[in-house]
Amino acid sequence: MSDMSTDFLSWMSAIQARTEQALDERLPAPDQQPCTLHQAMRYAVLGGGKRVRALLVHAAGAVTGATPDSLDAPACALELIHAYSLVHDDMPCMDDDVLRRGKPTVHVEFDQATALLCGDALQTLAFELLARETTHRPAERSLTMLAHLATASGSRGMAGGQAIDLASVGHRLSLEALEMMHIHKTGALIRAAVLLGAHAGPPVDEALLQRLDRYGKLVGLLFQVVDDVLDAQADTATLGKTAGKDAEHDKPTYVSLLGLEEARSKAEDLLRQACDALAPLGPKASHLEALARYITHRKY
């Protein structure tokens, strides 16, 4: 991350720590009944992950003048949805993996039934936080944020993308079909992170929202392209999850479709487009631009 400024790295570290604390405070205590379920929820969420979605919430919120306190609930909600999706994705009926964030997956550490319920409970907690912590914004804005998160999480978003992904194993997709899958599977939640951050601040005009939304769509695709590259070239210790799973399962990826070098080139092109979308916004969008660069050049 040598191309990242000290200011950005300091901001990123502070938001990651803030989000970790916010999640710790909002998750049920490990000794609260049902203890095993609550322990599994905390195991799945705390002490790992890059918190990219929370970072995007805070960076987009900075563009629209949202206060950090108003961004904690949406940042936590995004991270809880993301964590739930990982718990379920790792289960034997889905991607069947035993390692996540450098430790055993939830169904390995606990059991499959607990993992299933853990994902369910994390998902519902995300919506509870957004619905409950509304003192920083009008009720209609909270409803808009809830709708964005629900759409991004459901059959027209992440869950639908995962269904397409599972149905595509062993098939060769066109680039258009692959992008459509990942706009749903990975991109929808990243796009929602940007929109929730934007809506958490004072009212903004539609032109600004559309510009931020375009950035969110581009970064969502960018994240997946880089993920595919890393799965093909990084090792398990670096990734914190099993490397090479895509090729092993004959899953369609940007690397299998385009080759490694062209996939890297596509990532750089998406980065340029994302930065272009932010250019008119000036310095207030600097953290969003730096996040796009971080996502592109990350090692895991």
C-alpha atoms as a PDB file:
ATOM      1  CA  MET A   1       0.000   0.000   0.000  1.00  0.00           C
ATOM      2  CA  SER A   2       2.952   2.320  -0.629  1.00  0.00           C
ATOM      3  CA  ASP A   3       0.825   4.480  -2.966  1.00  0.00           C
ATOM      4  CA  MET A   4      -1.596   5.330  -0.124  1.00  0.00           C
ATOM      5  CA  SER A   5      -1.136   8.654   1.678  1.00  0.00           C
ATOM      6  CA  THR A   6      -0.460   8.739   5.406  1.00  0.00           C
ATOM      7  CA  ASP A   7      -3.644  10.772   5.864  1.00  0.00           C
ATOM      8  CA  PHE A   8      -5.757   8.115   4.154  1.00  0.00           C
ATOM      9  CA  LEU A   9      -4.141   5.209   6.005  1.00  0.00           C
ATOM     10  CA  SER A  10      -4.702   7.002   9.312  1.00  0.00           C
ATOM     11  CA  TRP A  11      -8.351   7.696   8.418  1.00  0.00           C
ATOM     12  CA  MET A  12      -8.874   4.100   7.301  1.00  0.00           C
ATOM     13  CA  SER A  13      -7.399   2.701  10.514  1.00  0.00           C
ATOM     14  CA  ALA A  14      -9.582   5.016  12.609  1.00  0.00           C
ATOM     15  CA  ILE A  15     -12.796   4.021  10.763  1.00  0.00           C
ATOM     16  CA  GLN A  16     -11.932   0.320  11.004  1.00  0.00           C
ATOM     17  CA  ALA A  17     -11.383   0.650  14.772  1.00  0.00           C
ATOM     18  CA  ARG A  18     -14.543   2.739  15.156  1.00  0.00           C
ATOM     19  CA  THR A  19     -16.580   0.147  13.248  1.00  0.00           C
ATOM     20  CA  GLU A  20     -15.137  -2.724  15.270  1.00  0.00           C
ATOM     21  CA  GLN A  21     -16.188  -0.981  18.481  1.00  0.00           C
ATOM     22  CA  ALA A  22     -19.618  -0.104  17.088  1.00  0.00           C
ATOM     23  CA  LEU A  23     -20.208  -3.722  16.058  1.00  0.00           C
ATOM     24  CA  ASP A  24     -19.004  -5.015  19.422  1.00  0.00           C
ATOM     25  CA  GLU A  25     -21.492  -2.732  21.199  1.00  0.00           C
ATOM     26  CA  ARG A  26     -24.407  -3.701  18.956  1.00  0.00           C
ATOM     27  CA  LEU A  27     -23.944  -7.476  18.816  1.00  0.00           C
ATOM     28  CA  PRO A  28     -25.580  -9.481  21.619  1.00  0.00           C
ATOM     29  CA  ALA A  29     -23.300 -10.320  24.541  1.00  0.00           C
ATOM     30  CA  PRO A  30     -21.736 -13.808  24.399  1.00  0.00           C
ATOM     31  CA  ASP A  31     -23.307 -14.789  27.734  1.00  0.00           C
ATOM     32  CA  GLN A  32     -26.825 -13.719  26.674  1.00  0.00           C
ATOM     33  CA  GLN A  33     -29.197 -16.582  25.844  1.00  0.00           C
ATOM     34  CA  PRO A  34     -29.067 -18.308  23.433  1.00  0.00           C
ATOM     35  CA  CYS A  35     -25.351 -18.190  24.207  1.00  0.00           C
ATOM     36  CA  THR A  36     -24.040 -20.437  21.429  1.00  0.00           C
ATOM     37  CA  LEU A  37     -25.860 -18.479  18.732  1.00  0.00           C
ATOM     38  CA  HIS A  38     -24.654 -15.146  20.094  1.00  0.00           C
ATOM     39  CA  GLN A  39     -21.099 -16.456  20.383  1.00  0.00           C
ATOM     40  CA  ALA A  40     -21.255 -17.601  16.752  1.00  0.00           C
ATOM     41  CA  MET A  41     -22.528 -14.186  15.627  1.00  0.00           C
ATOM     42  CA  ARG A  42     -19.641 -12.439  17.360  1.00  0.00           C
ATOM     43  CA  TYR A  43     -17.169 -15.005  15.996  1.00  0.00           C
ATOM     44  CA  ALA A  44     -18.390 -14.351  12.452  1.00  0.00           C
ATOM     45  CA  VAL A  45     -18.243 -10.566  12.670  1.00  0.00           C
ATOM     46  CA  LEU A  46     -15.524  -9.404  15.050  1.00  0.00           C
ATOM     47  CA  GLY A  47     -11.765  -9.447  14.770  1.00  0.00           C
ATOM     48  CA  GLY A  48     -11.346  -9.704  11.020  1.00  0.00           C
ATOM     49  CA  GLY A  49     -12.142  -8.276   7.642  1.00  0.00           C
ATOM     50  CA  LYS A  50     -11.101  -5.117   5.835  1.00  0.00           C
ATOM     51  CA  ARG A  51     -14.396  -3.302   6.631  1.00  0.00           C
ATOM     52  CA  VAL A  52     -14.490  -2.018   3.055  1.00  0.00           C
ATOM     53  CA  ARG A  53     -18.254  -1.509   3.149  1.00  0.00           C
ATOM     54  CA  ALA A  54     -18.086   0.460   6.397  1.00  0.00           C
ATOM     55  CA  LEU A  55     -15.257   2.553   4.943  1.00  0.00           C
ATOM     56  CA  LEU A  56     -17.397   3.302   1.888  1.00  0.00           C
ATOM     57  CA  VAL A  57     -20.313   4.343   4.113  1.00  0.00           C
ATOM     58  CA  HIS A  58     -18.111   6.803   6.009  1.00  0.00           C
ATOM     59  CA  ALA A  59     -16.355   8.109   2.893  1.00  0.00           C
ATOM     60  CA  ALA A  60     -19.646   8.712   1.051  1.00  0.00           C
ATOM     61  CA  GLY A  61     -21.123  10.283   4.172  1.00  0.00           C
ATOM     62  CA  ALA A  62     -18.234  12.738   4.271  1.00  0.00           C
ATOM     63  CA  VAL A  63     -19.209  13.910   0.768  1.00  0.00           C
ATOM     64  CA  THR A  64     -22.770  14.758   1.845  1.00  0.00           C
ATOM     65  CA  GLY A  65     -21.933  16.176   5.270  1.00  0.00           C
ATOM     66  CA  ALA A  66     -23.070  13.267   7.447  1.00  0.00           C
ATOM     67  CA  THR A  67     -21.663  13.114  10.969  1.00  0.00           C
ATOM     68  CA  PRO A  68     -19.649  10.053  12.046  1.00  0.00           C
ATOM     69  CA  ASP A  69     -22.291   9.241  14.683  1.00  0.00           C
ATOM     70  CA  SER A  70     -25.005   9.116  12.012  1.00  0.00           C
ATOM     71  CA  LEU A  71     -22.891   6.693   9.952  1.00  0.00           C
ATOM     72  CA  ASP A  72     -22.230   4.033  12.610  1.00  0.00           C
ATOM     73  CA  ALA A  73     -25.572   2.238  12.229  1.00  0.00           C
ATOM     74  CA  PRO A  74     -25.500   2.019   8.407  1.00  0.00           C
ATOM     75  CA  ALA A  75     -21.823   1.007   8.500  1.00  0.00           C
ATOM     76  CA  CYS A  76     -22.624  -1.771  10.980  1.00  0.00           C
ATOM     77  CA  ALA A  77     -25.672  -2.842   8.978  1.00  0.00           C
ATOM     78  CA  LEU A  78     -23.571  -3.290   5.837  1.00  0.00           C
ATOM     79  CA  GLU A  79     -20.914  -5.257   7.698  1.00  0.00           C
ATOM     80  CA  LEU A  80     -23.544  -7.508   9.310  1.00  0.00           C
ATOM     81  CA  ILE A  81     -25.132  -8.306   5.942  1.00  0.00           C
ATOM     82  CA  HIS A  82     -21.701  -8.997   4.484  1.00  0.00           C
ATOM     83  CA  ALA A  83     -20.752 -11.255   7.410  1.00  0.00           C
ATOM     84  CA  TYR A  84     -24.016 -13.190   7.135  1.00  0.00           C
ATOM     85  CA  SER A  85     -23.380 -13.763   3.429  1.00  0.00           C
ATOM     86  CA  LEU A  86     -19.910 -15.144   4.153  1.00  0.00           C
ATOM     87  CA  VAL A  87     -21.236 -17.517   6.828  1.00  0.00           C
ATOM     88  CA  HIS A  88     -23.798 -18.939   4.415  1.00  0.00           C
ATOM     89  CA  ASP A  89     -21.470 -18.923   1.372  1.00  0.00           C
ATOM     90  CA  ASP A  90     -18.930 -21.035   3.256  1.00  0.00           C
ATOM     91  CA  MET A  91     -21.408 -23.776   4.160  1.00  0.00           C
ATOM     92  CA  PRO A  92     -21.187 -27.217   2.460  1.00  0.00           C
ATOM     93  CA  CYS A  93     -24.351 -26.611   0.419  1.00  0.00           C
ATOM     94  CA  MET A  94     -22.822 -23.469  -1.100  1.00  0.00           C
ATOM     95  CA  ASP A  95     -19.068 -22.910  -1.630  1.00  0.00           C
ATOM     96  CA  ASP A  96     -18.048 -25.478   1.018  1.00  0.00           C
ATOM     97  CA  ASP A  97     -15.025 -23.774   2.588  1.00  0.00           C
ATOM     98  CA  VAL A  98     -13.286 -24.332   5.905  1.00  0.00           C
ATOM     99  CA  LEU A  99     -11.289 -21.088   6.245  1.00  0.00           C
ATOM    100  CA  ARG A 100     -12.419 -17.480   6.443  1.00  0.00           C
ATOM    101  CA  ARG A 101     -10.454 -14.439   7.636  1.00  0.00           C
ATOM    102  CA  GLY A 102      -7.647 -16.747   8.711  1.00  0.00           C
ATOM    103  CA  LYS A 103      -9.732 -18.912  11.048  1.00  0.00           C
ATOM    104  CA  PRO A 104     -12.148 -21.857  10.741  1.00  0.00           C
ATOM    105  CA  THR A 105     -15.474 -20.997   9.154  1.00  0.00           C
ATOM    106  CA  VAL A 106     -18.515 -20.778  11.418  1.00  0.00           C
ATOM    107  CA  HIS A 107     -19.975 -24.165  10.484  1.00  0.00           C
ATOM    108  CA  VAL A 108     -16.581 -25.769  11.247  1.00  0.00           C
ATOM    109  CA  GLU A 109     -16.045 -23.930  14.536  1.00  0.00           C
ATOM    110  CA  PHE A 110     -19.636 -24.524  15.667  1.00  0.00           C
ATOM    111  CA  ASP A 111     -21.932 -26.658  13.465  1.00  0.00           C
ATOM    112  CA  GLN A 112     -24.053 -26.286  10.334  1.00  0.00           C
ATOM    113  CA  ALA A 113     -27.324 -25.546  12.114  1.00  0.00           C
ATOM    114  CA  THR A 114     -25.687 -22.847  14.219  1.00  0.00           C
ATOM    115  CA  ALA A 115     -24.065 -21.348  11.107  1.00  0.00           C
ATOM    116  CA  LEU A 116     -27.422 -21.203   9.324  1.00  0.00           C
ATOM    117  CA  LEU A 117     -29.106 -19.488  12.272  1.00  0.00           C
ATOM    118  CA  CYS A 118     -26.095 -17.221  12.767  1.00  0.00           C
ATOM    119  CA  GLY A 119     -26.450 -15.882   9.220  1.00  0.00           C
ATOM    120  CA  ASP A 120     -30.191 -15.429   9.658  1.00  0.00           C
ATOM    121  CA  ALA A 121     -29.730 -13.514  12.912  1.00  0.00           C
ATOM    122  CA  LEU A 122     -26.975 -11.261  11.533  1.00  0.00           C
ATOM    123  CA  GLN A 123     -29.181 -10.339   8.585  1.00  0.00           C
ATOM    124  CA  THR A 124     -32.147  -9.378  10.755  1.00  0.00           C
ATOM    125  CA  LEU A 125     -29.930  -7.458  13.193  1.00  0.00           C
ATOM    126  CA  ALA A 126     -28.735  -5.295  10.283  1.00  0.00           C
ATOM    127  CA  PHE A 127     -32.276  -4.130   9.540  1.00  0.00           C
ATOM    128  CA  GLU A 128     -33.052  -3.716  13.236  1.00  0.00           C
ATOM    129  CA  LEU A 129     -30.136  -1.287  13.620  1.00  0.00           C
ATOM    130  CA  LEU A 130     -31.191   0.822  10.638  1.00  0.00           C
ATOM    131  CA  ALA A 131     -34.813   0.906  11.818  1.00  0.00           C
ATOM    132  CA  ARG A 132     -33.977   1.645  15.449  1.00  0.00           C
ATOM    133  CA  GLU A 133     -31.149   4.186  15.245  1.00  0.00           C
ATOM    134  CA  THR A 134     -32.996   7.005  13.494  1.00  0.00           C
ATOM    135  CA  THR A 135     -32.324  10.061  15.676  1.00  0.00           C
ATOM    136  CA  HIS A 136     -29.901  11.516  13.122  1.00  0.00           C
ATOM    137  CA  ARG A 137     -32.301  11.626  10.155  1.00  0.00           C
ATOM    138  CA  PRO A 138     -35.980  11.997   9.147  1.00  0.00           C
ATOM    139  CA  ALA A 139     -38.115   8.860   9.075  1.00  0.00           C
ATOM    140  CA  GLU A 140     -38.557   8.962   5.287  1.00  0.00           C
ATOM    141  CA  ARG A 141     -34.777   8.908   4.824  1.00  0.00           C
ATOM    142  CA  SER A 142     -34.535   5.852   7.074  1.00  0.00           C
ATOM    143  CA  LEU A 143     -37.157   4.124   4.916  1.00  0.00           C
ATOM    144  CA  THR A 144     -35.119   4.940   1.787  1.00  0.00           C
ATOM    145  CA  MET A 145     -31.998   3.470   3.390  1.00  0.00           C
ATOM    146  CA  LEU A 146     -33.866   0.344   4.495  1.00  0.00           C
ATOM    147  CA  ALA A 147     -35.205  -0.118   0.971  1.00  0.00           C
ATOM    148  CA  HIS A 148     -31.738   0.246  -0.565  1.00  0.00           C
ATOM    149  CA  LEU A 149     -30.277  -2.323   1.818  1.00  0.00           C
ATOM    150  CA  ALA A 150     -33.160  -4.767   1.312  1.00  0.00           C
ATOM    151  CA  THR A 151     -32.934  -4.586  -2.477  1.00  0.00           C
ATOM    152  CA  ALA A 152     -29.156  -4.979  -2.412  1.00  0.00           C
ATOM    153  CA  SER A 153     -29.409  -8.032  -0.148  1.00  0.00           C
ATOM    154  CA  GLY A 154     -32.251  -9.928  -1.807  1.00  0.00           C
ATOM    155  CA  SER A 155     -33.099 -11.752  -5.016  1.00  0.00           C
ATOM    156  CA  ARG A 156     -32.409  -8.649  -7.114  1.00  0.00           C
ATOM    157  CA  GLY A 157     -29.096  -8.173  -5.371  1.00  0.00           C
ATOM    158  CA  MET A 158     -26.629 -10.307  -3.449  1.00  0.00           C
ATOM    159  CA  ALA A 159     -28.793 -13.434  -2.967  1.00  0.00           C
ATOM    160  CA  GLY A 160     -29.799 -13.404  -6.621  1.00  0.00           C
ATOM    161  CA  GLY A 161     -26.192 -13.014  -7.699  1.00  0.00           C
ATOM    162  CA  GLN A 162     -25.175 -15.967  -5.564  1.00  0.00           C
ATOM    163  CA  ALA A 163     -27.956 -18.057  -7.137  1.00  0.00           C
ATOM    164  CA  ILE A 164     -26.668 -17.173 -10.618  1.00  0.00           C
ATOM    165  CA  ASP A 165     -23.118 -17.972  -9.494  1.00  0.00           C
ATOM    166  CA  LEU A 166     -24.083 -21.433  -8.258  1.00  0.00           C
ATOM    167  CA  ALA A 167     -26.033 -22.134 -11.452  1.00  0.00           C
ATOM    168  CA  SER A 168     -23.038 -21.063 -13.565  1.00  0.00           C
ATOM    169  CA  VAL A 169     -20.502 -23.565 -12.210  1.00  0.00           C
ATOM    170  CA  GLY A 170     -19.020 -25.485 -15.108  1.00  0.00           C
ATOM    171  CA  HIS A 171     -20.408 -23.087 -17.715  1.00  0.00           C
ATOM    172  CA  ARG A 172     -18.583 -20.468 -19.741  1.00  0.00           C
ATOM    173  CA  LEU A 173     -20.300 -17.096 -19.454  1.00  0.00           C
ATOM    174  CA  SER A 174     -19.979 -14.108 -21.735  1.00  0.00           C
ATOM    175  CA  LEU A 175     -18.352 -11.015 -20.262  1.00  0.00           C
ATOM    176  CA  GLU A 176     -21.768  -9.334 -20.190  1.00  0.00           C
ATOM    177  CA  ALA A 177     -23.320 -12.251 -18.273  1.00  0.00           C
ATOM    178  CA  LEU A 178     -20.390 -12.388 -15.842  1.00  0.00           C
ATOM    179  CA  GLU A 179     -20.684  -8.671 -15.133  1.00  0.00           C
ATOM    180  CA  MET A 180     -24.441  -8.986 -14.634  1.00  0.00           C
ATOM    181  CA  MET A 181     -23.848 -11.752 -12.079  1.00  0.00           C
ATOM    182  CA  HIS A 182     -21.313  -9.716 -10.125  1.00  0.00           C
ATOM    183  CA  ILE A 183     -23.298  -6.482 -10.294  1.00  0.00           C
ATOM    184  CA  HIS A 184     -25.743  -8.470  -8.150  1.00  0.00           C
ATOM    185  CA  LYS A 185     -23.527 -10.783  -6.086  1.00  0.00           C
ATOM    186  CA  THR A 186     -20.787  -8.394  -4.971  1.00  0.00           C
ATOM    187  CA  GLY A 187     -21.602  -5.043  -6.490  1.00  0.00           C
ATOM    188  CA  ALA A 188     -25.077  -4.502  -5.068  1.00  0.00           C
ATOM    189  CA  LEU A 189     -23.945  -4.369  -1.441  1.00  0.00           C
ATOM    190  CA  ILE A 190     -20.970  -2.121  -2.249  1.00  0.00           C
ATOM    191  CA  ARG A 191     -23.256   0.205  -4.181  1.00  0.00           C
ATOM    192  CA  ALA A 192     -25.660   0.198  -1.216  1.00  0.00           C
ATOM    193  CA  ALA A 193     -22.807   1.157   1.130  1.00  0.00           C
ATOM    194  CA  VAL A 194     -22.173   4.300  -0.918  1.00  0.00           C
ATOM    195  CA  LEU A 195     -25.877   5.181  -1.110  1.00  0.00           C
ATOM    196  CA  LEU A 196     -26.533   4.587   2.593  1.00  0.00           C
ATOM    197  CA  GLY A 197     -23.590   6.790   3.496  1.00  0.00           C
ATOM    198  CA  ALA A 198     -24.830   9.508   1.152  1.00  0.00           C
ATOM    199  CA  HIS A 199     -28.395   9.388   2.502  1.00  0.00           C
ATOM    200  CA  ALA A 200     -27.239   9.550   6.137  1.00  0.00           C
ATOM    201  CA  GLY A 201     -26.271  13.217   5.748  1.00  0.00           C
ATOM    202  CA  PRO A 202     -28.299  16.332   4.972  1.00  0.00           C
ATOM    203  CA  PRO A 203     -30.495  16.206   1.829  1.00  0.00           C
ATOM    204  CA  VAL A 204     -28.496  16.291  -1.414  1.00  0.00           C
ATOM    205  CA  ASP A 205     -29.476  16.867  -5.028  1.00  0.00           C
ATOM    206  CA  GLU A 206     -30.195  14.025  -7.420  1.00  0.00           C
ATOM    207  CA  ALA A 207     -27.184  14.797  -9.623  1.00  0.00           C
ATOM    208  CA  LEU A 208     -24.779  14.198  -6.746  1.00  0.00           C
ATOM    209  CA  LEU A 209     -26.556  10.962  -5.792  1.00  0.00           C
ATOM    210  CA  GLN A 210     -26.335   9.716  -9.369  1.00  0.00           C
ATOM    211  CA  ARG A 211     -22.617  10.483  -9.502  1.00  0.00           C
ATOM    212  CA  LEU A 212     -22.028   8.625  -6.240  1.00  0.00           C
ATOM    213  CA  ASP A 213     -24.198   5.758  -7.459  1.00  0.00           C
ATOM    214  CA  ARG A 214     -22.113   5.461 -10.650  1.00  0.00           C
ATOM    215  CA  TYR A 215     -18.970   5.343  -8.518  1.00  0.00           C
ATOM    216  CA  GLY A 216     -20.559   2.636  -6.342  1.00  0.00           C
ATOM    217  CA  LYS A 217     -21.457   0.491  -9.362  1.00  0.00           C
ATOM    218  CA  LEU A 218     -17.934   0.769 -10.796  1.00  0.00           C
ATOM    219  CA  VAL A 219     -16.236   0.001  -7.492  1.00  0.00           C
ATOM    220  CA  GLY A 220     -18.537  -2.977  -6.953  1.00  0.00           C
ATOM    221  CA  LEU A 221     -17.352  -4.518 -10.220  1.00  0.00           C
ATOM    222  CA  LEU A 222     -13.776  -3.481  -9.510  1.00  0.00           C
ATOM    223  CA  PHE A 223     -13.841  -5.303  -6.170  1.00  0.00           C
ATOM    224  CA  GLN A 224     -14.893  -8.565  -7.832  1.00  0.00           C
ATOM    225  CA  VAL A 225     -12.345  -8.343 -10.652  1.00  0.00           C
ATOM    226  CA  VAL A 226      -9.571  -7.887  -8.087  1.00  0.00           C
ATOM    227  CA  ASP A 227     -11.008 -10.735  -5.988  1.00  0.00           C
ATOM    228  CA  ASP A 228     -10.788 -13.038  -9.015  1.00  0.00           C
ATOM    229  CA  VAL A 229      -7.185 -11.982  -9.674  1.00  0.00           C
ATOM    230  CA  LEU A 230      -6.213 -12.551  -6.050  1.00  0.00           C
ATOM    231  CA  ASP A 231      -7.884 -15.975  -5.978  1.00  0.00           C
ATOM    232  CA  ALA A 232      -5.766 -16.950  -8.974  1.00  0.00           C
ATOM    233  CA  GLN A 233      -2.406 -15.614  -7.800  1.00  0.00           C
ATOM    234  CA  ALA A 234      -2.309 -15.150  -4.006  1.00  0.00           C
ATOM    235  CA  ASP A 235      -1.748 -17.890  -1.444  1.00  0.00           C
ATOM    236  CA  THR A 236      -4.077 -19.083   1.310  1.00  0.00           C
ATOM    237  CA  ALA A 237      -2.039 -17.513   4.122  1.00  0.00           C
ATOM    238  CA  THR A 238      -2.223 -14.089   2.486  1.00  0.00           C
ATOM    239  CA  LEU A 239      -5.900 -14.281   1.581  1.00  0.00           C
ATOM    240  CA  GLY A 240      -7.074 -15.692   4.909  1.00  0.00           C
ATOM    241  CA  LYS A 241      -9.317 -18.049   2.923  1.00  0.00           C
ATOM    242  CA  THR A 242      -8.657 -20.997   0.649  1.00  0.00           C
ATOM    243  CA  ALA A 243      -6.869 -19.833  -2.501  1.00  0.00           C
ATOM    244  CA  GLY A 244      -7.650 -21.301  -5.919  1.00  0.00           C
ATOM    245  CA  LYS A 245     -11.230 -22.295  -5.050  1.00  0.00           C
ATOM    246  CA  ASP A 246     -12.690 -20.720  -8.181  1.00  0.00           C
ATOM    247  CA  ALA A 247     -10.566 -22.786 -10.556  1.00  0.00           C
ATOM    248  CA  GLU A 248     -10.997 -25.911  -8.432  1.00  0.00           C
ATOM    249  CA  HIS A 249     -14.794 -25.587  -8.645  1.00  0.00           C
ATOM    250  CA  ASP A 250     -14.716 -24.570 -12.333  1.00  0.00           C
ATOM    251  CA  LYS A 251     -16.467 -21.276 -11.563  1.00  0.00           C
ATOM    252  CA  PRO A 252     -16.629 -18.545 -14.223  1.00  0.00           C
ATOM    253  CA  THR A 253     -14.368 -15.626 -13.265  1.00  0.00           C
ATOM    254  CA  TYR A 254     -12.777 -12.634 -14.944  1.00  0.00           C
ATOM    255  CA  VAL A 255      -9.485 -14.533 -14.935  1.00  0.00           C
ATOM    256  CA  SER A 256     -10.941 -17.677 -16.541  1.00  0.00           C
ATOM    257  CA  LEU A 257     -12.708 -15.544 -19.163  1.00  0.00           C
ATOM    258  CA  LEU A 258     -10.101 -12.868 -19.895  1.00  0.00           C
ATOM    259  CA  GLY A 259      -6.811 -14.243 -18.588  1.00  0.00           C
ATOM    260  CA  LEU A 260      -4.777 -12.801 -15.705  1.00  0.00           C
ATOM    261  CA  GLU A 261      -3.207  -9.839 -17.491  1.00  0.00           C
ATOM    262  CA  GLU A 262      -6.411  -8.692 -19.175  1.00  0.00           C
ATOM    263  CA  ALA A 263      -8.287  -9.022 -15.869  1.00  0.00           C
ATOM    264  CA  ARG A 264      -5.671  -6.787 -14.229  1.00  0.00           C
ATOM    265  CA  SER A 265      -6.065  -4.323 -17.100  1.00  0.00           C
ATOM    266  CA  LYS A 266      -9.841  -4.333 -16.643  1.00  0.00           C
ATOM    267  CA  ALA A 267      -9.382  -3.509 -12.953  1.00  0.00           C
ATOM    268  CA  GLU A 268      -7.224  -0.495 -13.842  1.00  0.00           C
ATOM    269  CA  ASP A 269      -9.830   0.660 -16.385  1.00  0.00           C
ATOM    270  CA  LEU A 270     -12.629   0.419 -13.811  1.00  0.00           C
ATOM    271  CA  LEU A 271     -10.467   2.372 -11.371  1.00  0.00           C
ATOM    272  CA  ARG A 272     -10.009   5.162 -13.924  1.00  0.00           C
ATOM    273  CA  GLN A 273     -13.746   5.308 -14.558  1.00  0.00           C
ATOM    274  CA  ALA A 274     -14.511   5.420 -10.825  1.00  0.00           C
ATOM    275  CA  CYS A 275     -12.054   8.284 -10.302  1.00  0.00           C
ATOM    276  CA  ASP A 276     -13.545  10.129 -13.292  1.00  0.00           C
ATOM    277  CA  ALA A 277     -17.007   9.845 -11.723  1.00  0.00           C
ATOM    278  CA  LEU A 278     -15.679  11.554  -8.575  1.00  0.00           C
ATOM    279  CA  ALA A 279     -13.581  14.225 -10.283  1.00  0.00           C
ATOM    280  CA  PRO A 280     -16.220  17.029 -10.190  1.00  0.00           C
ATOM    281  CA  LEU A 281     -16.705  16.537  -6.438  1.00  0.00           C
ATOM    282  CA  GLY A 282     -13.237  17.800  -5.520  1.00  0.00           C
ATOM    283  CA  PRO A 283     -11.359  17.206  -2.235  1.00  0.00           C
ATOM    284  CA  LYS A 284     -14.431  16.067  -0.275  1.00  0.00           C
ATOM    285  CA  ALA A 285     -14.394  12.846  -2.325  1.00  0.00           C
ATOM    286  CA  SER A 286     -10.693  12.163  -1.704  1.00  0.00           C
ATOM    287  CA  HIS A 287     -11.344   9.225   0.607  1.00  0.00           C
ATOM    288  CA  LEU A 288     -13.695   7.615  -1.917  1.00  0.00           C
ATOM    289  CA  GLU A 289     -11.005   7.908  -4.587  1.00  0.00           C
ATOM    290  CA  ALA A 290      -8.345   6.529  -2.241  1.00  0.00           C
ATOM    291  CA  LEU A 291     -10.657   3.620  -1.365  1.00  0.00           C
ATOM    292  CA  ALA A 292     -11.017   2.739  -5.044  1.00  0.00           C
ATOM    293  CA  ARG A 293      -7.218   2.676  -5.317  1.00  0.00           C
ATOM    294  CA  TYR A 294      -6.952   0.609  -2.129  1.00  0.00           C
ATOM    295  CA  ILE A 295      -9.471  -1.920  -3.463  1.00  0.00           C
ATOM    296  CA  THR A 296      -7.526  -2.166  -6.718  1.00  0.00           C
ATOM    297  CA  HIS A 297      -4.089  -2.655  -5.193  1.00  0.00           C
ATOM    298  CA  ARG A 298      -4.964  -4.697  -2.084  1.00  0.00           C
ATOM    299  CA  LYS A 299      -3.181  -8.000  -1.426  1.00  0.00           C
ATOM    300  CA  TYR A 300      -6.107  -9.885   0.159  1.00  0.00           C
END
